[in-house]
């Protein structure tokens, strides 16, 4: 598996409030970003994998929704996570 328990805890520790708080918006956005990057690399090698392509589009939509929510609720946290992950606006 590409994402081990330790790697997931590290993502939540770095971007979330704590490694046990997996529900924070920043932690979820960081996890989605990791998964999106992984699927993007997979699709570069396997261009005709349409199921993965559909999953990637759905993940991007979920991340966009969380980013919109965070932007509406707390613009400072939104700007921090976008800058930290290097996302385009």
PDB file of N, CA and C in Angstrom:
ATOM      1  N   UNK A   1       0.846  -1.187   0.000  1.00  0.00           N
ATOM      2  CA  UNK A   1       0.000   0.000   0.000  1.00  0.00           C
ATOM      3  C   UNK A   1       0.883   1.239   0.000  1.00  0.00           C
ATOM      4  N   UNK A   2       0.472   2.223  -0.725  1.00  0.00           N
ATOM      5  CA  UNK A   2       1.284   3.419  -0.870  1.00  0.00           C
ATOM      6  C   UNK A   2       1.228   4.334   0.347  1.00  0.00           C
ATOM      7  N   UNK A   3       0.222   4.193   1.175  1.00  0.00           N
ATOM      8  CA  UNK A   3       0.064   5.082   2.323  1.00  0.00           C
ATOM      9  C   UNK A   3      -0.020   4.233   3.591  1.00  0.00           C
ATOM     10  N   UNK A   4       1.050   4.205   4.360  1.00  0.00           N
ATOM     11  CA  UNK A   4       1.065   3.428   5.593  1.00  0.00           C
ATOM     12  C   UNK A   4       0.449   4.232   6.724  1.00  0.00           C
ATOM     13  N   UNK A   5       0.184   3.564   7.812  1.00  0.00           N
ATOM     14  CA  UNK A   5      -0.396   4.209   8.981  1.00  0.00           C
ATOM     15  C   UNK A   5       0.538   5.304   9.498  1.00  0.00           C
ATOM     16  N   UNK A   6       1.836   5.021   9.498  1.00  0.00           N
ATOM     17  CA  UNK A   6       2.817   6.000   9.990  1.00  0.00           C
ATOM     18  C   UNK A   6       2.867   7.222   9.090  1.00  0.00           C
ATOM     19  N   UNK A   7       2.777   7.005   7.776  1.00  0.00           N
ATOM     20  CA  UNK A   7       2.802   8.134   6.841  1.00  0.00           C
ATOM     21  C   UNK A   7       1.569   9.012   7.023  1.00  0.00           C
ATOM     22  N   UNK A   8       0.428   8.381   7.246  1.00  0.00           N
ATOM     23  CA  UNK A   8      -0.806   9.132   7.448  1.00  0.00           C
ATOM     24  C   UNK A   8      -0.734   9.942   8.749  1.00  0.00           C
ATOM     25  N   UNK A   9      -0.213   9.324   9.816  1.00  0.00           N
ATOM     26  CA  UNK A   9      -0.056  10.047  11.081  1.00  0.00           C
ATOM     27  C   UNK A   9       0.885  11.231  10.916  1.00  0.00           C
ATOM     28  N   UNK A  10       1.937  11.049  10.127  1.00  0.00           N
ATOM     29  CA  UNK A  10       2.894  12.131   9.880  1.00  0.00           C
ATOM     30  C   UNK A  10       2.225  13.292   9.143  1.00  0.00           C
ATOM     31  N   UNK A  11       1.374  12.976   8.182  1.00  0.00           N
ATOM     32  CA  UNK A  11       0.650  14.028   7.451  1.00  0.00           C
ATOM     33  C   UNK A  11      -0.237  14.809   8.401  1.00  0.00           C
ATOM     34  N   UNK A  12      -0.977  14.105   9.259  1.00  0.00           N
ATOM     35  CA  UNK A  12      -1.876  14.789  10.179  1.00  0.00           C
ATOM     36  C   UNK A  12      -1.109  15.554  11.252  1.00  0.00           C
ATOM     37  N   UNK A  13       0.048  15.041  11.662  1.00  0.00           N
ATOM     38  CA  UNK A  13       0.853  15.754  12.654  1.00  0.00           C
ATOM     39  C   UNK A  13       1.410  17.045  12.068  1.00  0.00           C
ATOM     40  N   UNK A  14       1.834  16.986  10.826  1.00  0.00           N
ATOM     41  CA  UNK A  14       2.458  18.141  10.185  1.00  0.00           C
ATOM     42  C   UNK A  14       1.439  19.210   9.800  1.00  0.00           C
ATOM     43  N   UNK A  15       0.296  18.793   9.252  1.00  0.00           N
ATOM     44  CA  UNK A  15      -0.655  19.752   8.716  1.00  0.00           C
ATOM     45  C   UNK A  15      -1.903  19.931   9.572  1.00  0.00           C
ATOM     46  N   UNK A  16      -2.249  18.939  10.366  1.00  0.00           N
ATOM     47  CA  UNK A  16      -3.443  19.030  11.184  1.00  0.00           C
ATOM     48  C   UNK A  16      -3.120  19.592  12.555  1.00  0.00           C
ATOM     49  N   UNK A  17      -4.088  19.511  13.439  1.00  0.00           N
ATOM     50  CA  UNK A  17      -3.877  20.014  14.797  1.00  0.00           C
ATOM     51  C   UNK A  17      -3.085  19.012  15.635  1.00  0.00           C
ATOM     52  N   UNK A  18      -3.309  17.725  15.391  1.00  0.00           N
ATOM     53  CA  UNK A  18      -2.535  16.679  16.045  1.00  0.00           C
ATOM     54  C   UNK A  18      -2.634  15.422  15.182  1.00  0.00           C
ATOM     55  N   UNK A  19      -1.836  14.404  15.519  1.00  0.00           N
ATOM     56  CA  UNK A  19      -1.874  13.192  14.699  1.00  0.00           C
ATOM     57  C   UNK A  19      -3.144  12.384  14.922  1.00  0.00           C
ATOM     58  N   UNK A  20      -3.829  12.608  16.036  1.00  0.00           N
ATOM     59  CA  UNK A  20      -5.072  11.882  16.318  1.00  0.00           C
ATOM     60  C   UNK A  20      -6.300  12.614  15.781  1.00  0.00           C
ATOM     61  N   UNK A  21      -6.197  13.936  15.561  1.00  0.00           N
ATOM     62  CA  UNK A  21      -7.314  14.720  15.048  1.00  0.00           C
ATOM     63  C   UNK A  21      -7.301  14.641  13.528  1.00  0.00           C
ATOM     64  N   UNK A  22      -7.985  13.639  13.007  1.00  0.00           N
ATOM     65  CA  UNK A  22      -7.971  13.415  11.568  1.00  0.00           C
ATOM     66  C   UNK A  22      -9.090  14.151  10.849  1.00  0.00           C
ATOM     67  N   UNK A  23      -9.921  14.863  11.573  1.00  0.00           N
ATOM     68  CA  UNK A  23     -11.066  15.523  10.955  1.00  0.00           C
ATOM     69  C   UNK A  23     -10.858  16.980  10.637  1.00  0.00           C
ATOM     70  N   UNK A  24      -9.724  17.547  11.002  1.00  0.00           N
ATOM     71  CA  UNK A  24      -9.516  18.965  10.724  1.00  0.00           C
ATOM     72  C   UNK A  24      -9.424  19.186   9.218  1.00  0.00           C
ATOM     73  N   UNK A  25      -9.874  20.335   8.779  1.00  0.00           N
ATOM     74  CA  UNK A  25      -9.895  20.625   7.349  1.00  0.00           C
ATOM     75  C   UNK A  25      -8.491  20.615   6.765  1.00  0.00           C
ATOM     76  N   UNK A  26      -7.517  21.159   7.495  1.00  0.00           N
ATOM     77  CA  UNK A  26      -6.147  21.200   6.986  1.00  0.00           C
ATOM     78  C   UNK A  26      -5.582  19.795   6.809  1.00  0.00           C
ATOM     79  N   UNK A  27      -5.836  18.925   7.768  1.00  0.00           N
ATOM     80  CA  UNK A  27      -5.360  17.553   7.680  1.00  0.00           C
ATOM     81  C   UNK A  27      -5.984  16.808   6.512  1.00  0.00           C
ATOM     82  N   UNK A  28      -7.287  16.989   6.318  1.00  0.00           N
ATOM     83  CA  UNK A  28      -7.976  16.337   5.207  1.00  0.00           C
ATOM     84  C   UNK A  28      -7.455  16.846   3.867  1.00  0.00           C
ATOM     85  N   UNK A  29      -7.248  18.157   3.760  1.00  0.00           N
ATOM     86  CA  UNK A  29      -6.734  18.738   2.519  1.00  0.00           C
ATOM     87  C   UNK A  29      -5.342  18.199   2.221  1.00  0.00           C
ATOM     88  N   UNK A  30      -4.509  18.091   3.243  1.00  0.00           N
ATOM     89  CA  UNK A  30      -3.156  17.563   3.046  1.00  0.00           C
ATOM     90  C   UNK A  30      -3.202  16.100   2.618  1.00  0.00           C
ATOM     91  N   UNK A  31      -4.097  15.316   3.215  1.00  0.00           N
ATOM     92  CA  UNK A  31      -4.227  13.908   2.842  1.00  0.00           C
ATOM     93  C   UNK A  31      -4.723  13.774   1.403  1.00  0.00           C
ATOM     94  N   UNK A  32      -5.722  14.563   1.027  1.00  0.00           N
ATOM     95  CA  UNK A  32      -6.217  14.540  -0.345  1.00  0.00           C
ATOM     96  C   UNK A  32      -5.117  14.933  -1.325  1.00  0.00           C
ATOM     97  N   UNK A  33      -4.306  15.916  -0.957  1.00  0.00           N
ATOM     98  CA  UNK A  33      -3.213  16.357  -1.822  1.00  0.00           C
ATOM     99  C   UNK A  33      -2.204  15.238  -2.028  1.00  0.00           C
ATOM    100  N   UNK A  34      -1.878  14.518  -0.960  1.00  0.00           N
ATOM    101  CA  UNK A  34      -0.959  13.383  -1.074  1.00  0.00           C
ATOM    102  C   UNK A  34      -1.525  12.325  -2.018  1.00  0.00           C
ATOM    103  N   UNK A  35      -2.798  12.012  -1.850  1.00  0.00           N
ATOM    104  CA  UNK A  35      -3.433  11.004  -2.696  1.00  0.00           C
ATOM    105  C   UNK A  35      -3.535  11.472  -4.141  1.00  0.00           C
ATOM    106  N   UNK A  36      -3.835  12.747  -4.353  1.00  0.00           N
ATOM    107  CA  UNK A  36      -3.924  13.297  -5.701  1.00  0.00           C
ATOM    108  C   UNK A  36      -2.571  13.209  -6.394  1.00  0.00           C
ATOM    109  N   UNK A  37      -1.507  13.547  -5.689  1.00  0.00           N
ATOM    110  CA  UNK A  37      -0.171  13.461  -6.277  1.00  0.00           C
ATOM    111  C   UNK A  37       0.177  12.025  -6.641  1.00  0.00           C
ATOM    112  N   UNK A  38      -0.198  11.084  -5.771  1.00  0.00           N
ATOM    113  CA  UNK A  38       0.068   9.666  -6.036  1.00  0.00           C
ATOM    114  C   UNK A  38      -0.685   9.197  -7.280  1.00  0.00           C
ATOM    115  N   UNK A  39      -1.963   9.548  -7.380  1.00  0.00           N
ATOM    116  CA  UNK A  39      -2.761   9.125  -8.528  1.00  0.00           C
ATOM    117  C   UNK A  39      -2.292   9.797  -9.821  1.00  0.00           C
ATOM    118  N   UNK A  40      -1.819  11.019  -9.721  1.00  0.00           N
ATOM    119  CA  UNK A  40      -1.305  11.719 -10.896  1.00  0.00           C
ATOM    120  C   UNK A  40      -0.087  11.001 -11.456  1.00  0.00           C
ATOM    121  N   UNK A  41       0.806  10.573 -10.559  1.00  0.00           N
ATOM    122  CA  UNK A  41       1.982   9.820 -11.011  1.00  0.00           C
ATOM    123  C   UNK A  41       1.566   8.490 -11.646  1.00  0.00           C
ATOM    124  N   UNK A  42       0.562   7.843 -11.081  1.00  0.00           N
ATOM    125  CA  UNK A  42       0.068   6.584 -11.632  1.00  0.00           C
ATOM    126  C   UNK A  42      -0.488   6.803 -13.039  1.00  0.00           C
ATOM    127  N   UNK A  43      -1.235   7.892 -13.222  1.00  0.00           N
ATOM    128  CA  UNK A  43      -1.855   8.144 -14.519  1.00  0.00           C
ATOM    129  C   UNK A  43      -0.844   8.560 -15.578  1.00  0.00           C
ATOM    130  N   UNK A  44       0.300   9.074 -15.166  1.00  0.00           N
ATOM    131  CA  UNK A  44       1.344   9.395 -16.145  1.00  0.00           C
ATOM    132  C   UNK A  44       1.870   8.120 -16.796  1.00  0.00           C
ATOM    133  N   UNK A  45       1.885   7.025 -16.038  1.00  0.00           N
ATOM    134  CA  UNK A  45       2.367   5.749 -16.560  1.00  0.00           C
ATOM    135  C   UNK A  45       1.252   4.942 -17.229  1.00  0.00           C
ATOM    136  N   UNK A  46       0.032   5.094 -16.734  1.00  0.00           N
ATOM    137  CA  UNK A  46      -1.108   4.301 -17.213  1.00  0.00           C
ATOM    138  C   UNK A  46      -2.198   5.246 -17.724  1.00  0.00           C
ATOM    139  N   UNK A  47      -2.027   5.719 -18.939  1.00  0.00           N
ATOM    140  CA  UNK A  47      -2.914   6.743 -19.473  1.00  0.00           C
ATOM    141  C   UNK A  47      -4.351   6.280 -19.646  1.00  0.00           C
ATOM    142  N   UNK A  48      -4.560   5.012 -19.867  1.00  0.00           N
ATOM    143  CA  UNK A  48      -5.911   4.522 -20.171  1.00  0.00           C
ATOM    144  C   UNK A  48      -6.650   3.977 -18.951  1.00  0.00           C
ATOM    145  N   UNK A  49      -6.161   4.253 -17.772  1.00  0.00           N
ATOM    146  CA  UNK A  49      -6.806   3.795 -16.542  1.00  0.00           C
ATOM    147  C   UNK A  49      -7.906   4.788 -16.176  1.00  0.00           C
ATOM    148  N   UNK A  50      -9.078   4.580 -16.749  1.00  0.00           N
ATOM    149  CA  UNK A  50     -10.150   5.555 -16.613  1.00  0.00           C
ATOM    150  C   UNK A  50     -10.796   5.531 -15.225  1.00  0.00           C
ATOM    151  N   UNK A  51     -10.775   4.401 -14.541  1.00  0.00           N
ATOM    152  CA  UNK A  51     -11.310   4.354 -13.180  1.00  0.00           C
ATOM    153  C   UNK A  51     -10.480   5.213 -12.244  1.00  0.00           C
ATOM    154  N   UNK A  52      -9.170   5.156 -12.392  1.00  0.00           N
ATOM    155  CA  UNK A  52      -8.301   5.991 -11.566  1.00  0.00           C
ATOM    156  C   UNK A  52      -8.486   7.457 -11.916  1.00  0.00           C
ATOM    157  N   UNK A  53      -8.684   7.726 -13.198  1.00  0.00           N
ATOM    158  CA  UNK A  53      -8.900   9.107 -13.620  1.00  0.00           C
ATOM    159  C   UNK A  53     -10.172   9.679 -12.992  1.00  0.00           C
ATOM    160  N   UNK A  54     -11.211   8.863 -12.940  1.00  0.00           N
ATOM    161  CA  UNK A  54     -12.469   9.300 -12.322  1.00  0.00           C
ATOM    162  C   UNK A  54     -12.278   9.539 -10.821  1.00  0.00           C
ATOM    163  N   UNK A  55     -11.545   8.646 -10.175  1.00  0.00           N
ATOM    164  CA  UNK A  55     -11.261   8.812  -8.746  1.00  0.00           C
ATOM    165  C   UNK A  55     -10.464  10.085  -8.492  1.00  0.00           C
ATOM    166  N   UNK A  56      -9.532  10.381  -9.376  1.00  0.00           N
ATOM    167  CA  UNK A  56      -8.731  11.588  -9.243  1.00  0.00           C
ATOM    168  C   UNK A  56      -9.598  12.840  -9.352  1.00  0.00           C
ATOM    169  N   UNK A  57     -10.505  12.851 -10.297  1.00  0.00           N
ATOM    170  CA  UNK A  57     -11.388  14.005 -10.467  1.00  0.00           C
ATOM    171  C   UNK A  57     -12.275  14.187  -9.233  1.00  0.00           C
ATOM    172  N   UNK A  58     -12.770  13.084  -8.680  1.00  0.00           N
ATOM    173  CA  UNK A  58     -13.600  13.171  -7.478  1.00  0.00           C
ATOM    174  C   UNK A  58     -12.805  13.702  -6.287  1.00  0.00           C
ATOM    175  N   UNK A  59     -11.550  13.250  -6.151  1.00  0.00           N
ATOM    176  CA  UNK A  59     -10.703  13.723  -5.059  1.00  0.00           C
ATOM    177  C   UNK A  59     -10.412  15.218  -5.190  1.00  0.00           C
ATOM    178  N   UNK A  60     -10.155  15.664  -6.396  1.00  0.00           N
ATOM    179  CA  UNK A  60      -9.897  17.088  -6.622  1.00  0.00           C
ATOM    180  C   UNK A  60     -11.129  17.904  -6.241  1.00  0.00           C
ATOM    181  N   UNK A  61     -12.313  17.384  -6.566  1.00  0.00           N
ATOM    182  CA  UNK A  61     -13.550  18.070  -6.203  1.00  0.00           C
ATOM    183  C   UNK A  61     -13.752  18.136  -4.695  1.00  0.00           C
ATOM    184  N   UNK A  62     -13.436  17.041  -4.008  1.00  0.00           N
ATOM    185  CA  UNK A  62     -13.564  17.038  -2.541  1.00  0.00           C
ATOM    186  C   UNK A  62     -12.599  18.037  -1.914  1.00  0.00           C
ATOM    187  N   UNK A  63     -11.362  18.058  -2.426  1.00  0.00           N
ATOM    188  CA  UNK A  63     -10.373  19.001  -1.895  1.00  0.00           C
ATOM    189  C   UNK A  63     -10.813  20.425  -2.159  1.00  0.00           C
ATOM    190  N   UNK A  64     -11.357  20.687  -3.338  1.00  0.00           N
ATOM    191  CA  UNK A  64     -11.833  22.028  -3.676  1.00  0.00           C
ATOM    192  C   UNK A  64     -12.952  22.448  -2.736  1.00  0.00           C
ATOM    193  N   UNK A  65     -13.854  21.524  -2.419  1.00  0.00           N
ATOM    194  CA  UNK A  65     -14.955  21.834  -1.499  1.00  0.00           C
ATOM    195  C   UNK A  65     -14.423  22.183  -0.116  1.00  0.00           C
ATOM    196  N   UNK A  66     -13.457  21.411   0.366  1.00  0.00           N
ATOM    197  CA  UNK A  66     -12.872  21.708   1.676  1.00  0.00           C
ATOM    198  C   UNK A  66     -12.144  23.045   1.667  1.00  0.00           C
ATOM    199  N   UNK A  67     -11.446  23.338   0.579  1.00  0.00           N
ATOM    200  CA  UNK A  67     -10.752  24.625   0.481  1.00  0.00           C
ATOM    201  C   UNK A  67     -11.746  25.786   0.460  1.00  0.00           C
ATOM    202  N   UNK A  68     -12.858  25.612  -0.249  1.00  0.00           N
ATOM    203  CA  UNK A  68     -13.891  26.654  -0.270  1.00  0.00           C
ATOM    204  C   UNK A  68     -14.480  26.867   1.119  1.00  0.00           C
ATOM    205  N   UNK A  69     -14.731  25.772   1.831  1.00  0.00           N
ATOM    206  CA  UNK A  69     -15.247  25.855   3.189  1.00  0.00           C
ATOM    207  C   UNK A  69     -14.271  26.613   4.091  1.00  0.00           C
ATOM    208  N   UNK A  70     -13.003  26.250   4.004  1.00  0.00           N
ATOM    209  CA  UNK A  70     -11.994  26.882   4.844  1.00  0.00           C
ATOM    210  C   UNK A  70     -11.836  28.359   4.494  1.00  0.00           C
ATOM    211  N   UNK A  71     -11.931  28.673   3.222  1.00  0.00           N
ATOM    212  CA  UNK A  71     -11.829  30.073   2.786  1.00  0.00           C
ATOM    213  C   UNK A  71     -12.980  30.895   3.353  1.00  0.00           C
ATOM    214  N   UNK A  72     -14.164  30.291   3.394  1.00  0.00           N
ATOM    215  CA  UNK A  72     -15.341  30.988   3.900  1.00  0.00           C
ATOM    216  C   UNK A  72     -15.276  31.160   5.419  1.00  0.00           C
ATOM    217  N   UNK A  73     -14.763  30.145   6.126  1.00  0.00           N
ATOM    218  CA  UNK A  73     -14.749  30.173   7.588  1.00  0.00           C
ATOM    219  C   UNK A  73     -13.562  30.943   8.171  1.00  0.00           C
ATOM    220  N   UNK A  74     -12.355  30.713   7.633  1.00  0.00           N
ATOM    221  CA  UNK A  74     -11.156  31.318   8.215  1.00  0.00           C
ATOM    222  C   UNK A  74     -10.115  31.517   7.109  1.00  0.00           C
ATOM    223  N   UNK A  75     -10.059  32.726   6.577  1.00  0.00           N
ATOM    224  CA  UNK A  75      -9.200  33.026   5.438  1.00  0.00           C
ATOM    225  C   UNK A  75      -7.720  32.876   5.786  1.00  0.00           C
ATOM    226  N   UNK A  76      -7.350  33.094   7.024  1.00  0.00           N
ATOM    227  CA  UNK A  76      -5.937  32.987   7.416  1.00  0.00           C
ATOM    228  C   UNK A  76      -5.484  31.533   7.350  1.00  0.00           C
ATOM    229  N   UNK A  77      -6.293  30.617   7.868  1.00  0.00           N
ATOM    230  CA  UNK A  77      -5.960  29.193   7.794  1.00  0.00           C
ATOM    231  C   UNK A  77      -5.932  28.715   6.344  1.00  0.00           C
ATOM    232  N   UNK A  78      -6.850  29.238   5.532  1.00  0.00           N
ATOM    233  CA  UNK A  78      -6.891  28.888   4.105  1.00  0.00           C
ATOM    234  C   UNK A  78      -5.591  29.296   3.421  1.00  0.00           C
ATOM    235  N   UNK A  79      -5.176  30.530   3.623  1.00  0.00           N
ATOM    236  CA  UNK A  79      -3.947  31.019   2.989  1.00  0.00           C
ATOM    237  C   UNK A  79      -2.729  30.235   3.462  1.00  0.00           C
ATOM    238  N   UNK A  80      -2.723  29.867   4.749  1.00  0.00           N
ATOM    239  CA  UNK A  80      -1.589  29.119   5.290  1.00  0.00           C
ATOM    240  C   UNK A  80      -1.484  27.735   4.645  1.00  0.00           C
ATOM    241  N   UNK A  81      -2.593  27.023   4.513  1.00  0.00           N
ATOM    242  CA  UNK A  81      -2.544  25.664   3.965  1.00  0.00           C
ATOM    243  C   UNK A  81      -2.235  25.691   2.472  1.00  0.00           C
ATOM    244  N   UNK A  82      -2.744  26.685   1.752  1.00  0.00           N
ATOM    245  CA  UNK A  82      -2.449  26.803   0.321  1.00  0.00           C
ATOM    246  C   UNK A  82      -0.971  27.069   0.108  1.00  0.00           C
ATOM    247  N   UNK A  83      -0.411  27.942   0.927  1.00  0.00           N
ATOM    248  CA  UNK A  83       1.013  28.264   0.811  1.00  0.00           C
ATOM    249  C   UNK A  83       1.879  27.057   1.209  1.00  0.00           C
ATOM    250  N   UNK A  84       1.484  26.379   2.271  1.00  0.00           N
ATOM    251  CA  UNK A  84       2.264  25.246   2.790  1.00  0.00           C
ATOM    252  C   UNK A  84       2.295  24.082   1.800  1.00  0.00           C
ATOM    253  N   UNK A  85       1.162  23.810   1.157  1.00  0.00           N
ATOM    254  CA  UNK A  85       1.084  22.689   0.218  1.00  0.00           C
ATOM    255  C   UNK A  85       1.459  23.076  -1.214  1.00  0.00           C
ATOM    256  N   UNK A  86       1.582  24.382  -1.459  1.00  0.00           N
ATOM    257  CA  UNK A  86       1.950  24.839  -2.794  1.00  0.00           C
ATOM    258  C   UNK A  86       0.845  24.636  -3.812  1.00  0.00           C
ATOM    259  N   UNK A  87      -0.404  24.875  -3.405  1.00  0.00           N
ATOM    260  CA  UNK A  87      -1.535  24.698  -4.298  1.00  0.00           C
ATOM    261  C   UNK A  87      -1.801  25.970  -5.087  1.00  0.00           C
ATOM    262  N   UNK A  88      -2.345  25.798  -6.266  1.00  0.00           N
ATOM    263  CA  UNK A  88      -2.784  26.958  -7.034  1.00  0.00           C
ATOM    264  C   UNK A  88      -4.163  27.346  -6.545  1.00  0.00           C
ATOM    265  N   UNK A  89      -4.473  28.614  -6.636  1.00  0.00           N
ATOM    266  CA  UNK A  89      -5.759  29.074  -6.131  1.00  0.00           C
ATOM    267  C   UNK A  89      -6.821  28.957  -7.183  1.00  0.00           C
TER     268      UNK A  89
END
